Each structure stands twice: as C-alpha cells, then as structure tokens.
Amino acid sequence: MLVEVERRDDEERHEQRGAADWLRDTLESGAMSVKDVKRQADESGFAWRTVQRAMRRAGVESRRAGSGLPAQWRLASCATANTVAPVAPNNLCGANGATGGSAGANETATDWETVEP
C-alpha cells in the first residue's frame, strides 16, 4: 500500500514537472489570458488542476490589469532573471531593518549587534 502511494506521488511530481516545463515554454513569449492558457493546456493533454499546481514551480504569476478584467498569467521576473540577490541582505534593510525592527531609532547596526538580550 505504501509503495502504491509513493508511486502515485512520483507520477504526480513527474506530471507537475512536465506541466511546469510546458508553462514556461508557453508563456516565454509573453503574458496570456487564463482562458487561453486553460484551452492550450487541455489541447496539450494537461489537467487544469495539474497546471495550476505547476504554476509555482514554473515561476508563473497571475495578475489582473483591473477590476472586471480577465487574469493574465506571465512568467515572474525572477523566473527569467538572475536568481542571486543584487544586494547582500543586512540588518539595516529588509522587513525589520529600515522600518524600525528591534533596534531603536538612535541605535546603529553595531550597537544593535552588541546589545545583550
């Protein structure tokens, strides 16, 4: 029984990889309406739910240009760009650094690093 579950998991992963590759190839030339992606996925033999699950692996994002307008799928900029951060993170920028975080407004990064909890 466990062997059967593992086999199914392997098949699903293989299908998602295939769908992710197909999505990248399909959206390589630019954004496409979800309706068109769904139609082409069906024509290519991919189950719609498999394509939806493969979005993340493929680096696809869904956007709406405005209220009432159809969603567009496109490759996220990070999917086609360099995956290395352009600037090394530090404790002065990011979610807590520049916005206050745990260091007070008058403390410097050096002060913050040496303060004992």
N, C-alpha and C. Protein backbone atom coordinates (compact mmCIF):
# COMPACT_ATOMS: atom_id res chain seq x y z
N MET A 1 0.82 -1.19 0.00
CA MET A 1 0.00 0.00 0.00
C MET A 1 0.88 1.26 0.00
N LEU A 2 1.93 1.29 0.82
CA LEU A 2 2.84 2.43 0.86
C LEU A 2 3.55 2.59 -0.48
N VAL A 3 3.87 1.47 -1.11
CA VAL A 3 4.52 1.51 -2.42
C VAL A 3 3.60 2.18 -3.44
N GLU A 4 2.33 1.87 -3.37
CA GLU A 4 1.35 2.46 -4.29
C GLU A 4 1.26 3.97 -4.08
N VAL A 5 1.25 4.44 -2.85
CA VAL A 5 1.19 5.86 -2.55
C VAL A 5 2.44 6.56 -3.08
N GLU A 6 3.61 5.97 -2.84
CA GLU A 6 4.86 6.55 -3.33
C GLU A 6 4.87 6.61 -4.86
N ARG A 7 4.35 5.58 -5.50
CA ARG A 7 4.29 5.55 -6.97
C ARG A 7 3.40 6.68 -7.48
N ARG A 8 2.25 6.87 -6.84
CA ARG A 8 1.35 7.95 -7.25
C ARG A 8 1.99 9.31 -7.04
N ASP A 9 2.69 9.48 -5.91
CA ASP A 9 3.39 10.75 -5.65
C ASP A 9 4.44 11.02 -6.72
N ASP A 10 5.19 9.99 -7.11
CA ASP A 10 6.19 10.14 -8.17
C ASP A 10 5.54 10.54 -9.50
N GLU A 11 4.41 9.91 -9.81
CA GLU A 11 3.69 10.24 -11.04
C GLU A 11 3.19 11.69 -11.03
N GLU A 12 2.65 12.11 -9.88
CA GLU A 12 2.17 13.49 -9.77
C GLU A 12 3.30 14.50 -9.91
N ARG A 13 4.45 14.21 -9.28
CA ARG A 13 5.61 15.11 -9.41
C ARG A 13 6.08 15.17 -10.86
N HIS A 14 6.09 14.02 -11.53
CA HIS A 14 6.50 13.98 -12.93
C HIS A 14 5.54 14.79 -13.80
N GLU A 15 4.23 14.64 -13.55
CA GLU A 15 3.23 15.41 -14.30
C GLU A 15 3.39 16.90 -14.05
N GLN A 16 3.64 17.29 -12.80
CA GLN A 16 3.81 18.71 -12.48
C GLN A 16 5.07 19.28 -13.13
N ARG A 17 6.14 18.48 -13.16
CA ARG A 17 7.36 18.95 -13.84
C ARG A 17 7.10 19.17 -15.32
N GLY A 18 6.39 18.23 -15.93
CA GLY A 18 6.03 18.37 -17.35
C GLY A 18 5.16 19.59 -17.58
N ALA A 19 4.19 19.80 -16.70
CA ALA A 19 3.31 20.95 -16.82
C ALA A 19 4.07 22.25 -16.59
N ALA A 20 5.02 22.26 -15.66
CA ALA A 20 5.83 23.45 -15.40
C ALA A 20 6.69 23.78 -16.62
N ASP A 21 7.30 22.77 -17.21
CA ASP A 21 8.09 22.99 -18.43
C ASP A 21 7.21 23.54 -19.54
N TRP A 22 6.02 22.95 -19.69
CA TRP A 22 5.09 23.40 -20.72
C TRP A 22 4.68 24.86 -20.46
N LEU A 23 4.40 25.20 -19.21
CA LEU A 23 4.01 26.58 -18.88
C LEU A 23 5.12 27.57 -19.23
N ARG A 24 6.35 27.24 -18.86
CA ARG A 24 7.47 28.14 -19.19
C ARG A 24 7.59 28.34 -20.69
N ASP A 25 7.48 27.25 -21.44
CA ASP A 25 7.56 27.35 -22.91
C ASP A 25 6.40 28.16 -23.47
N THR A 26 5.21 27.94 -22.94
CA THR A 26 4.02 28.61 -23.44
C THR A 26 4.04 30.11 -23.15
N LEU A 27 4.52 30.49 -21.97
CA LEU A 27 4.50 31.89 -21.56
C LEU A 27 5.82 32.62 -21.85
N GLU A 28 6.73 31.94 -22.50
CA GLU A 28 8.03 32.53 -22.80
C GLU A 28 7.90 33.78 -23.67
N SER A 29 6.92 33.79 -24.56
CA SER A 29 6.76 34.93 -25.46
C SER A 29 5.94 36.07 -24.86
N GLY A 30 5.39 35.88 -23.67
CA GLY A 30 4.65 36.95 -23.02
C GLY A 30 3.42 36.47 -22.29
N ALA A 31 2.74 37.42 -21.67
CA ALA A 31 1.54 37.12 -20.87
C ALA A 31 0.43 36.56 -21.75
N MET A 32 -0.44 35.79 -21.10
CA MET A 32 -1.54 35.16 -21.80
C MET A 32 -2.74 35.10 -20.86
N SER A 33 -3.93 35.25 -21.39
CA SER A 33 -5.12 35.16 -20.55
C SER A 33 -5.26 33.75 -20.00
N VAL A 34 -5.82 33.65 -18.81
CA VAL A 34 -6.01 32.35 -18.17
C VAL A 34 -6.88 31.46 -19.05
N LYS A 35 -7.85 32.06 -19.70
CA LYS A 35 -8.74 31.30 -20.58
C LYS A 35 -7.93 30.62 -21.70
N ASP A 36 -6.98 31.36 -22.28
CA ASP A 36 -6.16 30.80 -23.34
C ASP A 36 -5.19 29.74 -22.81
N VAL A 37 -4.63 29.98 -21.63
CA VAL A 37 -3.73 29.00 -21.02
C VAL A 37 -4.50 27.70 -20.78
N LYS A 38 -5.70 27.84 -20.24
CA LYS A 38 -6.52 26.66 -19.94
C LYS A 38 -6.85 25.88 -21.22
N ARG A 39 -7.21 26.61 -22.27
CA ARG A 39 -7.54 25.96 -23.55
C ARG A 39 -6.33 25.23 -24.10
N GLN A 40 -5.17 25.88 -24.10
CA GLN A 40 -3.96 25.26 -24.63
C GLN A 40 -3.50 24.08 -23.77
N ALA A 41 -3.69 24.19 -22.45
CA ALA A 41 -3.33 23.08 -21.56
C ALA A 41 -4.18 21.86 -21.90
N ASP A 42 -5.47 22.08 -22.11
CA ASP A 42 -6.37 20.99 -22.46
C ASP A 42 -5.96 20.37 -23.80
N GLU A 43 -5.62 21.22 -24.77
CA GLU A 43 -5.19 20.72 -26.08
C GLU A 43 -3.88 19.94 -25.98
N SER A 44 -3.05 20.29 -25.01
CA SER A 44 -1.76 19.62 -24.83
C SER A 44 -1.85 18.40 -23.93
N GLY A 45 -3.05 18.13 -23.39
CA GLY A 45 -3.27 16.94 -22.59
C GLY A 45 -2.98 17.09 -21.11
N PHE A 46 -2.90 18.33 -20.62
CA PHE A 46 -2.65 18.56 -19.19
C PHE A 46 -3.96 18.84 -18.47
N ALA A 47 -4.15 18.21 -17.33
CA ALA A 47 -5.31 18.50 -16.49
C ALA A 47 -5.14 19.91 -15.93
N TRP A 48 -6.22 20.68 -15.89
CA TRP A 48 -6.13 22.07 -15.44
C TRP A 48 -5.59 22.16 -14.02
N ARG A 49 -6.00 21.27 -13.15
CA ARG A 49 -5.52 21.32 -11.76
C ARG A 49 -4.01 21.07 -11.69
N THR A 50 -3.50 20.20 -12.54
CA THR A 50 -2.06 19.96 -12.59
C THR A 50 -1.32 21.21 -13.03
N VAL A 51 -1.86 21.91 -14.00
CA VAL A 51 -1.25 23.16 -14.47
C VAL A 51 -1.26 24.20 -13.36
N GLN A 52 -2.37 24.30 -12.64
CA GLN A 52 -2.44 25.25 -11.53
C GLN A 52 -1.40 24.92 -10.46
N ARG A 53 -1.24 23.65 -10.15
CA ARG A 53 -0.24 23.26 -9.16
C ARG A 53 1.18 23.53 -9.64
N ALA A 54 1.38 23.48 -10.95
CA ALA A 54 2.72 23.66 -11.52
C ALA A 54 3.11 25.14 -11.64
N MET A 55 2.18 26.03 -11.42
CA MET A 55 2.47 27.47 -11.55
C MET A 55 3.68 27.89 -10.75
N ARG A 56 3.72 27.51 -9.50
CA ARG A 56 4.81 27.94 -8.61
C ARG A 56 6.16 27.41 -9.09
N ARG A 57 6.18 26.13 -9.43
CA ARG A 57 7.41 25.50 -9.91
C ARG A 57 7.90 26.19 -11.19
N ALA A 58 6.97 26.63 -12.02
CA ALA A 58 7.33 27.25 -13.29
C ALA A 58 7.70 28.72 -13.14
N GLY A 59 7.40 29.31 -11.99
CA GLY A 59 7.67 30.73 -11.80
C GLY A 59 6.65 31.61 -12.50
N VAL A 60 5.40 31.19 -12.46
CA VAL A 60 4.31 31.91 -13.12
C VAL A 60 3.52 32.70 -12.08
N GLU A 61 3.14 33.91 -12.45
CA GLU A 61 2.28 34.70 -11.58
C GLU A 61 1.02 35.08 -12.34
N SER A 62 -0.04 35.26 -11.60
CA SER A 62 -1.32 35.63 -12.16
C SER A 62 -1.63 37.07 -11.76
N ARG A 63 -1.97 37.90 -12.71
CA ARG A 63 -2.26 39.32 -12.46
C ARG A 63 -3.53 39.73 -13.18
N ARG A 64 -4.23 40.67 -12.57
CA ARG A 64 -5.38 41.31 -13.20
C ARG A 64 -5.02 42.76 -13.46
N ALA A 65 -5.30 43.22 -14.65
CA ALA A 65 -5.00 44.61 -15.00
C ALA A 65 -5.97 45.57 -14.32
N GLY A 66 -7.11 45.08 -13.91
CA GLY A 66 -8.10 45.93 -13.24
C GLY A 66 -9.33 45.14 -12.88
N SER A 67 -10.21 45.77 -12.16
CA SER A 67 -11.43 45.12 -11.73
C SER A 67 -12.28 44.74 -12.94
N GLY A 68 -12.73 43.50 -12.95
CA GLY A 68 -13.58 43.03 -14.03
C GLY A 68 -12.82 42.55 -15.26
N LEU A 69 -11.52 42.76 -15.29
CA LEU A 69 -10.72 42.31 -16.43
C LEU A 69 -10.22 40.89 -16.17
N PRO A 70 -10.05 40.11 -17.23
CA PRO A 70 -9.58 38.73 -17.03
C PRO A 70 -8.14 38.68 -16.52
N ALA A 71 -7.85 37.66 -15.77
CA ALA A 71 -6.49 37.47 -15.24
C ALA A 71 -5.55 37.07 -16.37
N GLN A 72 -4.31 37.49 -16.23
CA GLN A 72 -3.26 37.14 -17.18
C GLN A 72 -2.20 36.35 -16.43
N TRP A 73 -1.67 35.32 -17.05
CA TRP A 73 -0.56 34.59 -16.49
C TRP A 73 0.69 35.00 -17.24
N ARG A 74 1.78 35.19 -16.49
CA ARG A 74 3.06 35.51 -17.11
C ARG A 74 4.17 34.95 -16.25
N LEU A 75 5.34 34.80 -16.86
CA LEU A 75 6.49 34.37 -16.09
C LEU A 75 6.88 35.51 -15.17
N ALA A 76 7.07 35.21 -13.91
CA ALA A 76 7.51 36.22 -12.96
C ALA A 76 8.90 36.67 -13.36
N SER A 77 9.22 37.91 -13.07
CA SER A 77 10.52 38.44 -13.48
C SER A 77 11.66 37.64 -12.88
N CYS A 78 11.47 37.11 -11.68
CA CYS A 78 12.55 36.33 -11.07
C CYS A 78 12.71 34.96 -11.72
N ALA A 79 11.71 34.51 -12.46
CA ALA A 79 11.82 33.22 -13.12
C ALA A 79 12.76 33.29 -14.31
N THR A 80 12.87 34.48 -14.90
CA THR A 80 13.72 34.61 -16.08
C THR A 80 14.98 35.39 -15.78
N ALA A 81 15.07 35.99 -14.60
CA ALA A 81 16.23 36.80 -14.24
C ALA A 81 17.21 35.99 -13.41
N ASN A 82 18.31 36.61 -13.10
CA ASN A 82 19.32 36.01 -12.25
C ASN A 82 18.71 35.71 -10.88
N THR A 83 19.00 34.55 -10.32
CA THR A 83 18.40 34.19 -9.04
C THR A 83 19.21 34.65 -7.85
N VAL A 84 20.32 35.32 -8.07
CA VAL A 84 21.15 35.82 -6.99
C VAL A 84 20.68 37.22 -6.61
N ALA A 85 20.56 37.48 -5.32
CA ALA A 85 20.12 38.79 -4.85
C ALA A 85 21.12 39.85 -5.32
N PRO A 86 20.64 41.00 -5.83
CA PRO A 86 21.54 42.03 -6.32
C PRO A 86 22.33 42.70 -5.21
N VAL A 87 21.80 42.70 -4.00
CA VAL A 87 22.48 43.31 -2.86
C VAL A 87 22.41 42.31 -1.71
N ALA A 88 23.53 42.10 -1.06
CA ALA A 88 23.54 41.18 0.07
C ALA A 88 22.67 41.74 1.19
N PRO A 89 21.80 40.94 1.77
CA PRO A 89 20.95 41.44 2.86
C PRO A 89 21.78 41.79 4.09
N ASN A 90 21.32 42.76 4.84
CA ASN A 90 21.95 43.11 6.11
C ASN A 90 20.86 43.55 7.07
N ASN A 91 21.24 43.86 8.29
CA ASN A 91 20.22 44.16 9.28
C ASN A 91 19.74 45.61 9.22
N LEU A 92 20.17 46.38 8.23
CA LEU A 92 19.67 47.75 8.07
C LEU A 92 18.59 47.85 7.00
N CYS A 93 18.42 46.80 6.23
CA CYS A 93 17.36 46.82 5.23
C CYS A 93 16.57 45.53 5.35
N GLY A 94 15.42 45.51 4.78
CA GLY A 94 14.58 44.32 4.86
C GLY A 94 13.35 44.59 5.69
N ALA A 95 12.70 43.54 6.08
CA ALA A 95 11.43 43.66 6.77
C ALA A 95 11.52 44.46 8.06
N ASN A 96 12.56 44.29 8.84
CA ASN A 96 12.66 44.99 10.11
C ASN A 96 13.73 46.06 10.15
N GLY A 97 14.74 45.97 9.32
CA GLY A 97 15.87 46.89 9.38
C GLY A 97 15.49 48.34 9.17
N ALA A 98 15.11 48.72 7.98
CA ALA A 98 14.84 50.12 7.66
C ALA A 98 13.55 50.62 8.28
N THR A 99 12.69 49.73 8.68
CA THR A 99 11.40 50.15 9.22
C THR A 99 11.37 50.14 10.74
N GLY A 100 12.47 50.03 11.37
CA GLY A 100 12.50 50.11 12.83
C GLY A 100 12.92 48.84 13.50
N GLY A 101 12.33 47.73 13.13
CA GLY A 101 12.69 46.44 13.69
C GLY A 101 12.87 46.46 15.19
N SER A 102 13.84 45.70 15.67
CA SER A 102 14.07 45.63 17.11
C SER A 102 15.11 46.64 17.57
N ALA A 103 15.85 47.25 16.63
CA ALA A 103 16.82 48.29 17.01
C ALA A 103 16.08 49.62 17.11
N GLY A 104 16.40 50.41 18.12
CA GLY A 104 15.77 51.71 18.29
C GLY A 104 16.25 52.70 17.24
N ALA A 105 15.56 53.81 17.12
CA ALA A 105 15.87 54.80 16.10
C ALA A 105 17.26 55.40 16.30
N ASN A 106 17.74 55.48 17.53
CA ASN A 106 19.05 56.08 17.80
C ASN A 106 20.19 55.07 17.83
N GLU A 107 19.89 53.79 17.68
CA GLU A 107 20.94 52.77 17.71
C GLU A 107 21.47 52.54 16.30
N THR A 108 22.74 52.26 16.20
CA THR A 108 23.32 51.89 14.91
C THR A 108 23.34 50.38 14.82
N ALA A 109 23.66 49.86 13.65
CA ALA A 109 23.72 48.41 13.48
C ALA A 109 24.75 47.81 14.44
N THR A 110 25.86 48.50 14.64
CA THR A 110 26.89 47.99 15.55
C THR A 110 26.35 47.92 16.96
N ASP A 111 25.63 48.97 17.41
CA ASP A 111 25.03 48.96 18.74
C ASP A 111 24.06 47.80 18.89
N TRP A 112 23.26 47.60 17.86
CA TRP A 112 22.24 46.57 17.91
C TRP A 112 22.87 45.19 18.02
N GLU A 113 23.94 44.97 17.25
CA GLU A 113 24.60 43.66 17.25
C GLU A 113 25.24 43.34 18.59
N THR A 114 25.68 44.35 19.35
CA THR A 114 26.41 44.08 20.59
C THR A 114 25.52 44.10 21.82
N VAL A 115 24.26 44.49 21.68
CA VAL A 115 23.36 44.55 22.83
C VAL A 115 22.98 43.13 23.24
N GLU A 116 23.12 42.85 24.50
CA GLU A 116 22.75 41.53 25.03
C GLU A 116 21.25 41.52 25.28
N PRO A 117 20.60 40.41 24.98
CA PRO A 117 19.14 40.33 25.21
C PRO A 117 18.77 40.29 26.67
